[in-house]
Amino acid sequence: MASKSNFFKDNFVLIVGLTLPVLLMLMLGFMLASSLPNINADPPQHDFVFAVPTTDNKLPISLKLTVDKDNRLIAQYTRNVTREGYSYNSWKKLYVFEAKTQKVRELPLPYPDNMEEIKTVQAEIVDATKTMKLDTTLESPDGYSLSYDGYSRSGLVGDLFIGSRYSSEPRLRKGSASVKLISSNSQVPFYYGSVEFIGWSVGSIPPETQATGGQQ
């Protein structure tokens, strides 16, 4: 027993030198294997429209986004109810994941010009998406859906070099393949529960339908 102890003590540097490259290769293989589903999977073929809620206590109205029977995105403005001097309101930022670029781009969603005049409910077509035919089915025609990563452990090698992790980044997922919702400036400002599903772009709205709709 003593001879074995002396052997490891006398050859510690040699043992580390031999085993460390093996562990590094195992870790590299694990990381490569983890990324293969994203590399090999068919990428999403449909743009994905979603919203992220914001708050602005100075706004007199709140915003709700819905898709109507003609597959158009409608902005519905509602006068806020003020209670005890506090206005409960909400607004949203609108985004589109573009399948061609695999990036997220913010779409303009301005306040209505007659915001102060809205007394009850007013609705209008969202101009930024007026050409998009939106499908509100949770799964896209090519099999992708909005999902979040859950708690995962990376195995023995991952625990040694990476550690366990919890990720709540929203993704588009199809089986074992997933695509992050990454903004055009390469940041990921989205998190669990922040993404509001709107729909998949599955075609174009005819010009005659784009111009109609919206009601006071």
Protein backbone atom coordinates (compact mmCIF):
# COMPACT_ATOMS: atom_id res chain seq x y z
CA MET A 1 0.00 0.00 0.00
CA ALA A 2 2.85 2.34 0.91
CA SER A 3 4.57 1.64 -2.40
CA LYS A 4 1.42 2.64 -4.32
CA SER A 5 1.16 5.82 -2.29
CA ASN A 6 4.76 6.66 -3.00
CA PHE A 7 4.28 5.88 -6.69
CA PHE A 8 1.42 8.41 -7.02
CA LYS A 9 3.33 10.96 -4.97
CA ASP A 10 6.52 10.58 -6.96
CA ASN A 11 4.73 10.59 -10.33
CA PHE A 12 1.95 13.11 -9.61
CA VAL A 13 3.00 15.53 -12.36
CA LEU A 14 3.27 12.69 -14.88
CA ILE A 15 -0.15 11.30 -13.96
CA VAL A 16 -1.78 14.73 -14.25
CA GLY A 17 -0.03 15.29 -17.56
CA LEU A 18 -1.44 12.04 -18.93
CA THR A 19 -4.99 12.27 -17.59
CA LEU A 20 -5.72 15.97 -18.15
CA PRO A 21 -5.63 15.78 -21.98
CA VAL A 22 -8.02 12.81 -21.81
CA LEU A 23 -10.47 14.77 -19.65
CA LEU A 24 -10.20 17.77 -21.96
CA MET A 25 -10.95 15.59 -24.98
CA LEU A 26 -13.97 14.10 -23.22
CA MET A 27 -15.25 17.57 -22.38
CA LEU A 28 -14.72 18.74 -25.97
CA GLY A 29 -16.55 15.67 -27.27
CA PHE A 30 -19.47 16.32 -24.92
CA MET A 31 -19.75 19.96 -25.99
CA LEU A 32 -19.60 18.98 -29.65
CA ALA A 33 -22.24 16.30 -29.19
CA SER A 34 -24.49 18.79 -27.41
CA SER A 35 -24.31 21.18 -30.35
CA LEU A 36 -24.94 18.58 -33.06
CA PRO A 37 -28.77 18.77 -32.92
CA ASN A 38 -28.61 22.49 -33.71
CA ILE A 39 -26.15 21.91 -36.54
CA ASN A 40 -27.86 18.95 -38.18
CA ALA A 41 -31.53 19.86 -37.71
CA ASP A 42 -33.60 21.46 -40.41
CA PRO A 43 -33.76 25.17 -39.49
CA PRO A 44 -37.15 26.86 -38.98
CA GLN A 45 -38.83 27.84 -42.23
CA HIS A 46 -41.40 30.29 -40.84
CA ASP A 47 -40.95 33.70 -39.24
CA PHE A 48 -42.16 33.77 -35.64
CA VAL A 49 -43.89 36.87 -34.25
CA PHE A 50 -43.95 37.44 -30.51
CA ALA A 51 -44.28 40.23 -27.96
CA VAL A 52 -42.64 41.15 -24.67
CA PRO A 53 -44.70 43.06 -22.08
CA THR A 54 -43.53 46.39 -20.71
CA THR A 55 -45.01 48.88 -18.26
CA ASP A 56 -45.43 52.62 -18.49
CA ASN A 57 -47.46 54.13 -15.68
CA LYS A 58 -47.87 57.38 -17.60
CA LEU A 59 -49.90 55.85 -20.41
CA PRO A 60 -53.68 56.40 -20.38
CA ILE A 61 -54.29 53.17 -22.33
CA SER A 62 -53.29 49.52 -22.30
CA LEU A 63 -52.49 47.29 -25.26
CA LYS A 64 -53.71 43.82 -26.15
CA LEU A 65 -52.53 41.98 -29.29
CA THR A 66 -54.83 39.49 -31.00
CA VAL A 67 -55.02 37.75 -34.36
CA ASP A 68 -58.40 38.10 -36.09
CA LYS A 69 -60.28 35.69 -38.36
CA ASP A 70 -58.44 37.08 -41.39
CA ASN A 71 -55.07 36.14 -39.82
CA ARG A 72 -54.08 39.77 -39.20
CA LEU A 73 -52.46 41.11 -36.06
CA ILE A 74 -54.77 43.56 -34.31
CA ALA A 75 -53.80 46.08 -31.65
CA GLN A 76 -56.61 46.63 -29.16
CA TYR A 77 -56.35 49.76 -27.02
CA THR A 78 -58.29 50.01 -23.78
CA ARG A 79 -58.69 53.01 -21.52
CA ASN A 80 -56.97 52.38 -18.22
CA VAL A 81 -58.83 52.29 -14.96
CA THR A 82 -57.24 54.48 -12.30
CA ARG A 83 -57.50 53.22 -8.75
CA GLU A 84 -56.35 55.26 -5.78
CA GLY A 85 -54.41 57.55 -8.07
CA TYR A 86 -52.52 54.69 -9.74
CA SER A 87 -53.04 53.71 -13.35
CA TYR A 88 -52.81 50.00 -14.07
CA ASN A 89 -51.56 49.72 -17.63
CA SER A 90 -49.27 47.72 -19.85
CA TRP A 91 -47.65 48.03 -23.23
CA LYS A 92 -45.63 45.63 -25.37
CA LYS A 93 -42.63 45.46 -27.60
CA LEU A 94 -43.15 43.52 -30.81
CA TYR A 95 -40.51 41.21 -32.32
CA VAL A 96 -40.10 38.84 -35.24
CA PHE A 97 -37.72 35.91 -35.48
CA GLU A 98 -36.70 35.86 -39.13
CA ALA A 99 -36.16 32.31 -40.37
CA LYS A 100 -33.85 33.47 -43.16
CA THR A 101 -31.35 35.24 -40.88
CA GLN A 102 -32.02 33.20 -37.69
CA LYS A 103 -32.12 36.53 -35.82
CA VAL A 104 -34.72 38.49 -33.88
CA ARG A 105 -35.67 41.98 -35.03
CA GLU A 106 -37.85 44.48 -33.18
CA LEU A 107 -40.89 45.72 -35.07
CA PRO A 108 -42.27 49.23 -34.62
CA LEU A 109 -45.35 49.39 -32.42
CA PRO A 110 -46.05 53.11 -31.89
CA TYR A 111 -48.66 54.63 -29.64
CA PRO A 112 -51.90 55.57 -31.42
CA ASP A 113 -52.09 59.20 -32.48
CA ASN A 114 -55.41 59.73 -30.70
CA MET A 115 -54.32 58.05 -27.48
CA GLU A 116 -55.80 60.75 -25.23
CA GLU A 117 -59.14 60.56 -27.04
CA ILE A 118 -59.70 56.83 -26.57
CA LYS A 119 -62.48 56.48 -24.01
CA THR A 120 -63.42 52.80 -24.16
CA VAL A 121 -61.92 50.33 -26.66
CA GLN A 122 -60.33 50.92 -30.06
CA ALA A 123 -58.73 48.40 -32.43
CA GLU A 124 -56.58 48.67 -35.54
CA ILE A 125 -54.34 46.54 -37.71
CA VAL A 126 -50.68 46.57 -36.67
CA ASP A 127 -48.92 48.26 -39.56
CA ALA A 128 -45.58 46.45 -39.08
CA THR A 129 -47.20 43.05 -39.71
CA LYS A 130 -50.01 44.01 -42.10
CA THR A 131 -48.57 41.87 -44.92
CA MET A 132 -48.14 38.78 -42.71
CA LYS A 133 -50.70 36.00 -42.62
CA LEU A 134 -50.39 34.74 -39.05
CA ASP A 135 -51.15 31.22 -37.86
CA THR A 136 -51.79 31.01 -34.10
CA THR A 137 -51.31 27.24 -33.91
CA LEU A 138 -48.71 26.61 -31.20
CA GLU A 139 -46.70 24.34 -33.50
CA SER A 140 -45.48 25.75 -36.79
CA PRO A 141 -46.20 23.91 -40.08
CA ASP A 142 -42.61 22.62 -40.06
CA GLY A 143 -42.84 21.30 -36.50
CA TYR A 144 -41.25 24.03 -34.35
CA SER A 145 -42.80 25.44 -31.17
CA LEU A 146 -41.88 27.96 -28.49
CA SER A 147 -40.12 26.30 -25.58
CA TYR A 148 -37.75 26.96 -22.70
CA ASP A 149 -34.71 25.01 -21.59
CA GLY A 150 -35.15 23.31 -18.26
CA TYR A 151 -32.80 22.30 -15.53
CA SER A 152 -30.02 20.14 -16.89
CA ARG A 153 -26.78 18.59 -15.74
CA SER A 154 -23.82 18.07 -18.03
CA GLY A 155 -22.65 14.72 -16.66
CA LEU A 156 -19.39 13.97 -14.85
CA VAL A 157 -17.19 15.94 -17.24
CA GLY A 158 -19.63 18.82 -17.34
CA ASP A 159 -19.89 18.93 -13.56
CA LEU A 160 -16.11 19.12 -13.30
CA PHE A 161 -15.55 21.80 -15.93
CA ILE A 162 -18.93 23.46 -16.55
CA GLY A 163 -21.12 22.59 -13.58
CA SER A 164 -24.85 22.12 -13.48
CA ARG A 165 -26.87 24.91 -15.00
CA TYR A 166 -30.34 26.30 -15.20
CA SER A 167 -31.31 27.96 -18.45
CA SER A 168 -34.59 29.73 -19.08
CA GLU A 169 -33.86 31.16 -22.51
CA PRO A 170 -36.82 30.98 -24.88
CA ARG A 171 -36.14 28.83 -27.93
CA LEU A 172 -37.85 27.45 -30.97
CA ARG A 173 -37.69 23.70 -30.53
CA LYS A 174 -38.33 20.71 -32.77
CA GLY A 175 -37.58 17.43 -31.06
CA SER A 176 -33.98 17.53 -29.88
CA ALA A 177 -33.17 20.53 -32.07
CA SER A 178 -33.54 24.07 -30.77
CA VAL A 179 -32.78 27.58 -31.95
CA LYS A 180 -32.22 30.46 -29.52
CA LEU A 181 -34.18 33.66 -29.91
CA ILE A 182 -31.16 35.92 -30.36
CA SER A 183 -31.56 39.61 -31.10
CA SER A 184 -29.81 41.20 -34.07
CA ASN A 185 -27.10 42.66 -31.80
CA SER A 186 -26.27 39.12 -30.59
CA GLN A 187 -27.76 39.65 -27.13
CA VAL A 188 -30.50 37.53 -25.57
CA PRO A 189 -32.77 39.96 -23.68
CA PHE A 190 -35.57 37.43 -23.32
CA TYR A 191 -36.21 35.17 -20.36
CA TYR A 192 -38.69 32.66 -19.01
CA GLY A 193 -42.24 33.93 -19.07
CA SER A 194 -41.38 37.17 -20.89
CA VAL A 195 -42.26 36.00 -24.40
CA GLU A 196 -45.90 36.22 -25.49
CA PHE A 197 -46.71 33.92 -28.38
CA ILE A 198 -48.37 35.72 -31.32
CA GLY A 199 -48.08 33.42 -34.32
CA TRP A 200 -46.19 32.06 -37.31
CA SER A 201 -46.00 33.88 -40.62
CA VAL A 202 -47.42 31.40 -43.13
CA GLY A 203 -48.04 33.64 -46.12
CA SER A 204 -49.07 37.10 -47.23
CA ILE A 205 -52.27 39.06 -46.60
CA PRO A 206 -53.96 40.26 -49.82
CA PRO A 207 -53.65 44.06 -50.31
CA GLU A 208 -57.43 44.53 -50.18
CA THR A 209 -57.54 42.87 -46.75
CA GLN A 210 -54.53 44.78 -45.40
CA ALA A 211 -56.37 48.09 -45.65
CA THR A 212 -59.58 47.07 -43.89
CA GLY A 213 -60.27 46.38 -40.26
CA GLY A 214 -59.99 48.26 -37.02
CA GLN A 215 -62.95 49.51 -35.11
CA GLN A 216 -63.89 52.09 -32.51
